[in-house]
């Protein structure tokens, strides 16, 4: 995720620069507003708001902001540690996608309900639905990475003291050296948590896997298949029992 996250972060910055410095008319530029938006993502080391529009070149400004953001990203990764940073990236992205995707589905349903009205303006509703839906999807992707960029710099990581093993504060002036995750056996946990169940070693603000503790290998991922009794009574062309609106053969029967 690291390379993808960095590329998308640069994309977020460049879109903000384009939004707040539109066209060639310097009177329309809002460098103060741009700095305000950028500081919501990371502690910008460039005083953008104090710059004079006459002395600013848009592309050079983008390059300078990209470089500053990557430096801040490196500092963030160095503070948390490489492994914990990768886990943080995945967790934040999954959470943001889950939230934003649900909103997108509601928006698409709303669009579908009224798309037939485009016919009164001599516009093919099907073409309009495709074009507007594509635009909404692009906005969805941009909003996902914008929210991800804000969270990855500002998310606070807390450790539950009740989950720390005895003796975990030995050495390093009482610094945390090991963590224990509860909630069932490793084999019974979801695959995303099995990586954590392998154990995490944290020292002076950094985190790294310790091989499952005592040198033991990480547990194997066991795939569990859950069958529902309702599936026996549903035909392949009937609506799926989960309420998705799809046919059973294209949903849980796939």
Protein backbone atom coordinates (compact mmCIF):
# COMPACT_ATOMS: atom_id res chain seq x y z
CA UNK A 1 0.00 0.00 0.00
CA UNK A 2 2.89 2.40 0.59
CA UNK A 3 3.62 3.35 -3.03
CA UNK A 4 -0.09 3.59 -3.90
CA UNK A 5 -0.82 5.73 -0.84
CA UNK A 6 2.03 8.10 -1.65
CA UNK A 7 0.94 8.48 -5.28
CA UNK A 8 -2.65 9.15 -4.29
CA UNK A 9 -1.55 11.65 -1.64
CA UNK A 10 0.30 13.59 -4.32
CA UNK A 11 -2.84 13.45 -6.45
CA UNK A 12 -4.91 14.94 -3.60
CA UNK A 13 -2.42 17.80 -3.22
CA UNK A 14 -2.32 18.56 -6.93
CA UNK A 15 -6.13 18.63 -7.17
CA UNK A 16 -6.27 21.08 -4.27
CA UNK A 17 -3.71 23.32 -5.94
CA UNK A 18 -5.70 23.29 -9.17
CA UNK A 19 -8.91 24.05 -7.26
CA UNK A 20 -7.51 27.06 -5.40
CA UNK A 21 -5.40 28.43 -8.26
CA UNK A 22 -7.80 28.22 -11.22
CA UNK A 23 -6.89 29.64 -14.61
CA UNK A 24 -4.44 32.46 -15.23
CA UNK A 25 -6.37 35.21 -13.49
CA UNK A 26 -4.40 35.75 -10.27
CA UNK A 27 -7.35 37.53 -8.64
CA UNK A 28 -9.17 34.19 -8.52
CA UNK A 29 -6.33 32.50 -6.64
CA UNK A 30 -6.87 31.77 -2.96
CA UNK A 31 -3.48 30.77 -1.53
CA UNK A 32 -4.63 31.34 2.05
CA UNK A 33 -7.55 28.96 1.56
CA UNK A 34 -5.22 26.46 -0.08
CA UNK A 35 -2.90 26.49 2.93
CA UNK A 36 -5.88 26.00 5.26
CA UNK A 37 -6.96 22.91 3.34
CA UNK A 38 -3.43 21.51 3.15
CA UNK A 39 -2.88 21.89 6.90
CA UNK A 40 -5.91 19.71 7.51
CA UNK A 41 -3.91 16.90 5.91
CA UNK A 42 -0.38 17.33 7.27
CA UNK A 43 1.70 20.02 9.05
CA UNK A 44 2.81 21.88 5.94
CA UNK A 45 6.32 23.27 6.14
CA UNK A 46 5.71 25.87 3.41
CA UNK A 47 3.99 29.21 4.09
CA UNK A 48 1.71 29.06 1.08
CA UNK A 49 -0.71 31.70 2.33
CA UNK A 50 1.99 34.38 2.59
CA UNK A 51 3.15 33.89 -1.00
CA UNK A 52 2.39 36.49 -3.64
CA UNK A 53 0.45 35.04 -6.58
CA UNK A 54 2.68 36.98 -8.99
CA UNK A 55 5.72 35.01 -7.82
CA UNK A 56 4.08 31.56 -7.73
CA UNK A 57 4.40 29.02 -10.51
CA UNK A 58 1.69 26.42 -10.18
CA UNK A 59 3.80 23.39 -11.19
CA UNK A 60 6.73 24.36 -8.99
CA UNK A 61 4.33 24.85 -6.08
CA UNK A 62 2.95 21.35 -6.65
CA UNK A 63 6.45 19.86 -6.69
CA UNK A 64 7.39 21.67 -3.48
CA UNK A 65 4.23 20.54 -1.69
CA UNK A 66 4.66 16.96 -2.92
CA UNK A 67 8.20 16.89 -1.57
CA UNK A 68 7.13 18.36 1.77
CA UNK A 69 4.28 15.86 2.15
CA UNK A 70 6.54 12.90 1.34
CA UNK A 71 9.00 14.09 3.96
CA UNK A 72 6.19 14.26 6.52
CA UNK A 73 5.02 10.77 5.43
CA UNK A 74 8.54 9.42 5.99
CA UNK A 75 8.61 10.98 9.46
CA UNK A 76 5.25 9.41 10.27
CA UNK A 77 6.46 6.00 9.13
CA UNK A 78 9.70 6.33 11.07
CA UNK A 79 7.74 7.17 14.24
CA UNK A 80 5.31 4.24 13.94
CA UNK A 81 7.60 1.71 12.30
CA UNK A 82 7.25 0.19 8.85
CA UNK A 83 5.01 -2.76 9.76
CA UNK A 84 2.62 -0.72 11.89
CA UNK A 85 2.44 1.95 9.18
CA UNK A 86 1.45 -0.67 6.59
CA UNK A 87 -1.24 -1.99 8.93
CA UNK A 88 -2.49 1.53 9.57
CA UNK A 89 -2.72 2.24 5.83
CA UNK A 90 -4.79 -0.89 5.18
CA UNK A 91 -7.09 -0.36 8.15
CA UNK A 92 -7.84 3.28 7.35
CA UNK A 93 -8.44 2.60 3.66
CA UNK A 94 -10.85 -0.27 4.35
CA UNK A 95 -12.79 1.85 6.84
CA UNK A 96 -13.03 4.84 4.50
CA UNK A 97 -14.05 2.71 1.49
CA UNK A 98 -16.77 0.98 3.51
CA UNK A 99 -18.28 4.31 4.58
CA UNK A 100 -17.94 6.16 1.27
CA UNK A 101 -19.13 3.22 -0.86
CA UNK A 102 -22.40 2.98 1.04
CA UNK A 103 -23.03 6.68 0.49
CA UNK A 104 -22.22 6.22 -3.20
CA UNK A 105 -24.79 3.44 -3.55
CA UNK A 106 -27.48 5.66 -2.02
CA UNK A 107 -26.54 8.45 -4.45
CA UNK A 108 -26.72 6.06 -7.41
CA UNK A 109 -30.18 4.88 -6.33
CA UNK A 110 -31.34 8.50 -6.11
CA UNK A 111 -29.91 9.21 -9.57
CA UNK A 112 -31.64 6.15 -11.05
CA UNK A 113 -35.02 7.19 -9.68
CA UNK A 114 -34.99 10.53 -11.49
CA UNK A 115 -32.90 9.82 -14.57
CA UNK A 116 -35.99 9.35 -16.76
CA UNK A 117 -36.63 13.09 -16.47
CA UNK A 118 -33.65 13.71 -18.77
CA UNK A 119 -35.88 12.51 -21.60
CA UNK A 120 -37.90 15.74 -21.42
CA UNK A 121 -34.70 17.61 -22.38
CA UNK A 122 -34.18 15.35 -25.42
CA UNK A 123 -31.35 13.50 -23.63
CA UNK A 124 -31.11 9.72 -23.69
CA UNK A 125 -31.62 8.70 -20.02
CA UNK A 126 -29.32 5.69 -20.43
CA UNK A 127 -26.47 7.82 -21.77
CA UNK A 128 -27.07 10.43 -19.08
CA UNK A 129 -27.05 7.75 -16.36
CA UNK A 130 -23.73 6.36 -17.60
CA UNK A 131 -22.07 9.77 -17.85
CA UNK A 132 -23.33 11.10 -14.53
CA UNK A 133 -22.62 7.79 -12.80
CA UNK A 134 -19.05 7.84 -14.07
CA UNK A 135 -18.59 11.37 -12.78
CA UNK A 136 -19.97 10.36 -9.39
CA UNK A 137 -17.56 7.42 -9.27
CA UNK A 138 -14.60 9.71 -9.94
CA UNK A 139 -15.76 11.98 -7.12
CA UNK A 140 -16.06 8.90 -4.90
CA UNK A 141 -12.46 7.86 -5.54
CA UNK A 142 -11.16 11.38 -4.97
CA UNK A 143 -13.08 11.69 -1.69
CA UNK A 144 -11.77 8.32 -0.50
CA UNK A 145 -8.15 9.32 -0.94
CA UNK A 146 -8.71 12.79 0.46
CA UNK A 147 -10.15 11.37 3.68
CA UNK A 148 -7.44 8.69 3.78
CA UNK A 149 -4.75 11.38 3.50
CA UNK A 150 -6.17 13.27 6.47
CA UNK A 151 -6.52 10.20 8.66
CA UNK A 152 -3.15 8.59 7.93
CA UNK A 153 -1.34 11.67 9.27
CA UNK A 154 -3.63 12.36 12.22
CA UNK A 155 -4.90 8.98 13.43
CA UNK A 156 -3.95 8.30 17.04
CA UNK A 157 -2.91 4.75 18.00
CA UNK A 158 -3.83 3.63 21.49
CA UNK A 159 -2.91 0.40 23.26
CA UNK A 160 -5.25 -1.23 25.77
CA UNK A 161 -3.22 -1.78 28.98
CA UNK A 162 -5.36 -4.83 29.82
CA UNK A 163 -3.99 -6.56 26.72
CA UNK A 164 -0.35 -6.12 27.66
CA UNK A 165 1.42 -9.21 29.00
CA UNK A 166 3.09 -9.18 32.39
CA UNK A 167 6.65 -8.02 32.13
CA UNK A 168 5.93 -6.06 28.98
CA UNK A 169 7.40 -2.92 30.53
CA UNK A 170 10.75 -4.46 31.32
CA UNK A 171 13.76 -2.55 30.00
CA UNK A 172 13.97 0.68 28.02
CA UNK A 173 12.89 2.64 31.06
CA UNK A 174 9.55 0.87 31.23
CA UNK A 175 8.87 1.12 27.48
CA UNK A 176 6.36 -1.23 25.91
CA UNK A 177 8.08 -4.30 24.44
CA UNK A 178 5.27 -6.79 23.70
CA UNK A 179 1.55 -6.94 23.13
CA UNK A 180 -1.01 -9.73 23.53
CA UNK A 181 -4.28 -9.70 21.62
CA UNK A 182 -7.33 -11.40 23.14
CA UNK A 183 -10.56 -12.50 21.53
CA UNK A 184 -10.33 -16.24 20.84
CA UNK A 185 -7.71 -18.50 19.40
CA UNK A 186 -5.73 -17.35 16.33
CA UNK A 187 -7.43 -20.00 14.17
CA UNK A 188 -10.85 -18.57 15.01
CA UNK A 189 -9.97 -14.96 14.24
CA UNK A 190 -10.62 -13.18 10.92
CA UNK A 191 -7.70 -13.18 8.53
CA UNK A 192 -7.04 -9.46 9.06
CA UNK A 193 -6.49 -10.06 12.76
CA UNK A 194 -4.28 -13.09 12.29
CA UNK A 195 -1.48 -10.78 11.22
CA UNK A 196 -1.81 -9.00 14.55
CA UNK A 197 -2.18 -12.28 16.43
CA UNK A 198 1.34 -13.11 15.29
CA UNK A 199 2.44 -10.52 17.84
CA UNK A 200 3.73 -6.95 17.73
CA UNK A 201 6.87 -5.64 19.38
CA UNK A 202 6.91 -1.91 20.15
CA UNK A 203 9.97 -0.02 21.35
CA UNK A 204 10.28 3.75 21.73
CA UNK A 205 7.29 4.46 19.47
CA UNK A 206 8.05 1.89 16.74
CA UNK A 207 6.27 -1.37 16.05
CA UNK A 208 7.34 -4.56 14.25
CA UNK A 209 6.14 -8.20 14.15
CA UNK A 210 7.93 -10.62 16.49
CA UNK A 211 7.13 -13.83 14.58
CA UNK A 212 4.15 -14.84 16.67
CA UNK A 213 6.04 -14.74 19.97
CA UNK A 214 8.81 -17.04 21.22
CA UNK A 215 9.90 -17.61 17.61
CA UNK A 216 6.67 -19.46 16.73
CA UNK A 217 5.50 -19.14 13.10
CA UNK A 218 2.37 -17.16 12.31
CA UNK A 219 -0.82 -19.26 12.35
CA UNK A 220 -2.16 -20.48 9.04
CA UNK A 221 -5.27 -18.86 7.64
CA UNK A 222 -8.23 -21.27 7.80
CA UNK A 223 -11.08 -20.56 5.41
CA UNK A 224 -14.51 -21.11 6.93
CA UNK A 225 -17.53 -21.68 4.70
CA UNK A 226 -20.90 -20.90 6.27
CA UNK A 227 -24.00 -22.51 4.79
CA UNK A 228 -27.47 -21.13 5.35
CA UNK A 229 -30.50 -23.43 5.50
CA UNK A 230 -32.47 -20.92 3.40
CA UNK A 231 -30.23 -21.61 0.41
CA UNK A 232 -31.79 -25.08 0.00
CA UNK A 233 -35.21 -23.51 -0.73
CA UNK A 234 -34.09 -20.76 -3.15
CA UNK A 235 -33.87 -21.21 -6.92
CA UNK A 236 -30.92 -19.81 -8.83
CA UNK A 237 -33.08 -17.14 -10.47
CA UNK A 238 -34.93 -16.15 -7.28
CA UNK A 239 -33.98 -12.94 -5.40
CA UNK A 240 -31.14 -13.59 -2.97
CA UNK A 241 -32.15 -14.03 0.67
CA UNK A 242 -29.60 -11.41 1.81
CA UNK A 243 -31.71 -8.55 0.45
CA UNK A 244 -29.16 -7.27 -2.07
CA UNK A 245 -31.75 -7.19 -4.86
CA UNK A 246 -29.65 -9.47 -7.05
CA UNK A 247 -30.56 -12.93 -8.24
CA UNK A 248 -29.31 -15.73 -6.01
CA UNK A 249 -27.01 -17.11 -8.74
CA UNK A 250 -25.25 -13.74 -9.02
CA UNK A 251 -24.99 -13.13 -5.29
CA UNK A 252 -24.56 -15.84 -2.62
CA UNK A 253 -25.06 -18.58 -5.19
CA UNK A 254 -22.18 -17.43 -7.38
